[in-house]
């Protein structure tokens, strides 16, 4: 059985590297977080906040390794540079 500390040890810190608005859906913001080397990423989609919806967008989040995708080569360097900025 995993304890909370085991889950924390397994998580990976990723940093916000890109924020865009969805072309397909109105009122959707796409947040991309990446590892410092830019090789893995986490994508989150958020609806623009309504009056009763308050969720913080932080510079970094801890993500489960299973939730991270591999960044394509064209974005790796960009994400690594963004993370250092």
C-alpha atoms as a PDB file:
ATOM      1  CA  UNK A   1       0.000   0.000   0.000  1.00  0.00           C
ATOM      2  CA  UNK A   2       1.417   3.422  -0.946  1.00  0.00           C
ATOM      3  CA  UNK A   3       1.574   6.142   1.647  1.00  0.00           C
ATOM      4  CA  UNK A   4       1.244   9.846   0.874  1.00  0.00           C
ATOM      5  CA  UNK A   5       5.029  10.233   1.108  1.00  0.00           C
ATOM      6  CA  UNK A   6       5.505   7.422  -1.446  1.00  0.00           C
ATOM      7  CA  UNK A   7       3.210   9.261  -3.853  1.00  0.00           C
ATOM      8  CA  UNK A   8       5.192  12.476  -3.337  1.00  0.00           C
ATOM      9  CA  UNK A   9       8.460  10.668  -4.096  1.00  0.00           C
ATOM     10  CA  UNK A  10       7.019   9.300  -7.332  1.00  0.00           C
ATOM     11  CA  UNK A  11       5.760  12.650  -8.603  1.00  0.00           C
ATOM     12  CA  UNK A  12       7.766  14.798 -10.993  1.00  0.00           C
ATOM     13  CA  UNK A  13       7.914  18.596 -10.777  1.00  0.00           C
ATOM     14  CA  UNK A  14       6.943  20.253 -14.058  1.00  0.00           C
ATOM     15  CA  UNK A  15       6.941  23.961 -14.854  1.00  0.00           C
ATOM     16  CA  UNK A  16       4.506  26.119 -16.812  1.00  0.00           C
ATOM     17  CA  UNK A  17       6.051  26.717 -20.245  1.00  0.00           C
ATOM     18  CA  UNK A  18       3.110  27.564 -22.484  1.00  0.00           C
ATOM     19  CA  UNK A  19      -0.382  29.020 -22.178  1.00  0.00           C
ATOM     20  CA  UNK A  20      -2.671  29.295 -25.178  1.00  0.00           C
ATOM     21  CA  UNK A  21      -6.360  29.655 -25.935  1.00  0.00           C
ATOM     22  CA  UNK A  22      -8.098  26.804 -27.686  1.00  0.00           C
ATOM     23  CA  UNK A  23      -9.016  27.373 -31.332  1.00  0.00           C
ATOM     24  CA  UNK A  24     -11.678  24.676 -31.196  1.00  0.00           C
ATOM     25  CA  UNK A  25     -13.483  25.538 -27.975  1.00  0.00           C
ATOM     26  CA  UNK A  26     -14.417  28.952 -26.657  1.00  0.00           C
ATOM     27  CA  UNK A  27     -13.376  29.809 -23.121  1.00  0.00           C
ATOM     28  CA  UNK A  28     -10.742  27.058 -22.872  1.00  0.00           C
ATOM     29  CA  UNK A  29      -7.154  27.792 -21.828  1.00  0.00           C
ATOM     30  CA  UNK A  30      -4.493  25.190 -22.549  1.00  0.00           C
ATOM     31  CA  UNK A  31      -1.660  25.035 -20.020  1.00  0.00           C
ATOM     32  CA  UNK A  32       1.499  23.082 -20.824  1.00  0.00           C
ATOM     33  CA  UNK A  33       3.916  22.177 -18.048  1.00  0.00           C
ATOM     34  CA  UNK A  34       7.292  20.564 -18.843  1.00  0.00           C
ATOM     35  CA  UNK A  35      10.223  18.971 -17.076  1.00  0.00           C
ATOM     36  CA  UNK A  36      13.351  21.163 -16.813  1.00  0.00           C
ATOM     37  CA  UNK A  37      14.997  19.291 -19.695  1.00  0.00           C
ATOM     38  CA  UNK A  38      11.884  19.780 -21.860  1.00  0.00           C
ATOM     39  CA  UNK A  39      11.620  16.068 -22.644  1.00  0.00           C
ATOM     40  CA  UNK A  40       8.291  15.374 -20.914  1.00  0.00           C
ATOM     41  CA  UNK A  41       5.175  17.468 -20.598  1.00  0.00           C
ATOM     42  CA  UNK A  42       1.764  17.688 -18.958  1.00  0.00           C
ATOM     43  CA  UNK A  43      -1.140  19.353 -20.750  1.00  0.00           C
ATOM     44  CA  UNK A  44      -4.106  20.739 -18.837  1.00  0.00           C
ATOM     45  CA  UNK A  45      -7.228  22.311 -20.267  1.00  0.00           C
ATOM     46  CA  UNK A  46      -9.155  24.772 -18.158  1.00  0.00           C
ATOM     47  CA  UNK A  47     -12.428  26.510 -18.731  1.00  0.00           C
ATOM     48  CA  UNK A  48     -12.203  30.222 -18.107  1.00  0.00           C
ATOM     49  CA  UNK A  49     -13.245  30.832 -14.544  1.00  0.00           C
ATOM     50  CA  UNK A  50     -16.816  31.718 -13.845  1.00  0.00           C
ATOM     51  CA  UNK A  51     -17.823  33.735 -10.810  1.00  0.00           C
ATOM     52  CA  UNK A  52     -18.012  30.673  -8.561  1.00  0.00           C
ATOM     53  CA  UNK A  53     -15.016  28.795  -9.944  1.00  0.00           C
ATOM     54  CA  UNK A  54     -11.658  29.632  -8.383  1.00  0.00           C
ATOM     55  CA  UNK A  55      -8.629  27.504  -9.271  1.00  0.00           C
ATOM     56  CA  UNK A  56      -5.098  28.774  -8.968  1.00  0.00           C
ATOM     57  CA  UNK A  57      -2.713  28.430 -11.875  1.00  0.00           C
ATOM     58  CA  UNK A  58       0.743  27.925 -10.449  1.00  0.00           C
ATOM     59  CA  UNK A  59       4.185  28.144 -12.007  1.00  0.00           C
ATOM     60  CA  UNK A  60       4.877  24.509 -11.135  1.00  0.00           C
ATOM     61  CA  UNK A  61       2.901  21.388 -10.321  1.00  0.00           C
ATOM     62  CA  UNK A  62       3.816  17.878  -9.245  1.00  0.00           C
ATOM     63  CA  UNK A  63       2.616  15.275 -11.731  1.00  0.00           C
ATOM     64  CA  UNK A  64       2.445  11.510 -11.715  1.00  0.00           C
ATOM     65  CA  UNK A  65       4.897  10.067 -14.261  1.00  0.00           C
ATOM     66  CA  UNK A  66       2.023   8.218 -15.967  1.00  0.00           C
ATOM     67  CA  UNK A  67       0.381  11.578 -16.756  1.00  0.00           C
ATOM     68  CA  UNK A  68       3.405  12.930 -18.658  1.00  0.00           C
ATOM     69  CA  UNK A  69       3.839  12.644 -22.402  1.00  0.00           C
ATOM     70  CA  UNK A  70       7.038  12.720 -24.413  1.00  0.00           C
ATOM     71  CA  UNK A  71       7.669  16.093 -26.005  1.00  0.00           C
ATOM     72  CA  UNK A  72       8.341  16.056 -29.743  1.00  0.00           C
ATOM     73  CA  UNK A  73      11.820  17.167 -30.763  1.00  0.00           C
ATOM     74  CA  UNK A  74      10.594  20.476 -32.157  1.00  0.00           C
ATOM     75  CA  UNK A  75       9.326  21.591 -28.736  1.00  0.00           C
ATOM     76  CA  UNK A  76      11.983  20.133 -26.387  1.00  0.00           C
ATOM     77  CA  UNK A  77      14.469  22.967 -26.682  1.00  0.00           C
ATOM     78  CA  UNK A  78      11.719  25.601 -26.487  1.00  0.00           C
ATOM     79  CA  UNK A  79      10.266  24.066 -23.322  1.00  0.00           C
ATOM     80  CA  UNK A  80      13.704  23.704 -21.712  1.00  0.00           C
ATOM     81  CA  UNK A  81      14.453  27.378 -22.438  1.00  0.00           C
ATOM     82  CA  UNK A  82      11.034  28.501 -21.155  1.00  0.00           C
ATOM     83  CA  UNK A  83      11.499  26.579 -17.923  1.00  0.00           C
ATOM     84  CA  UNK A  84      14.813  28.381 -17.272  1.00  0.00           C
ATOM     85  CA  UNK A  85      13.332  31.835 -17.976  1.00  0.00           C
END
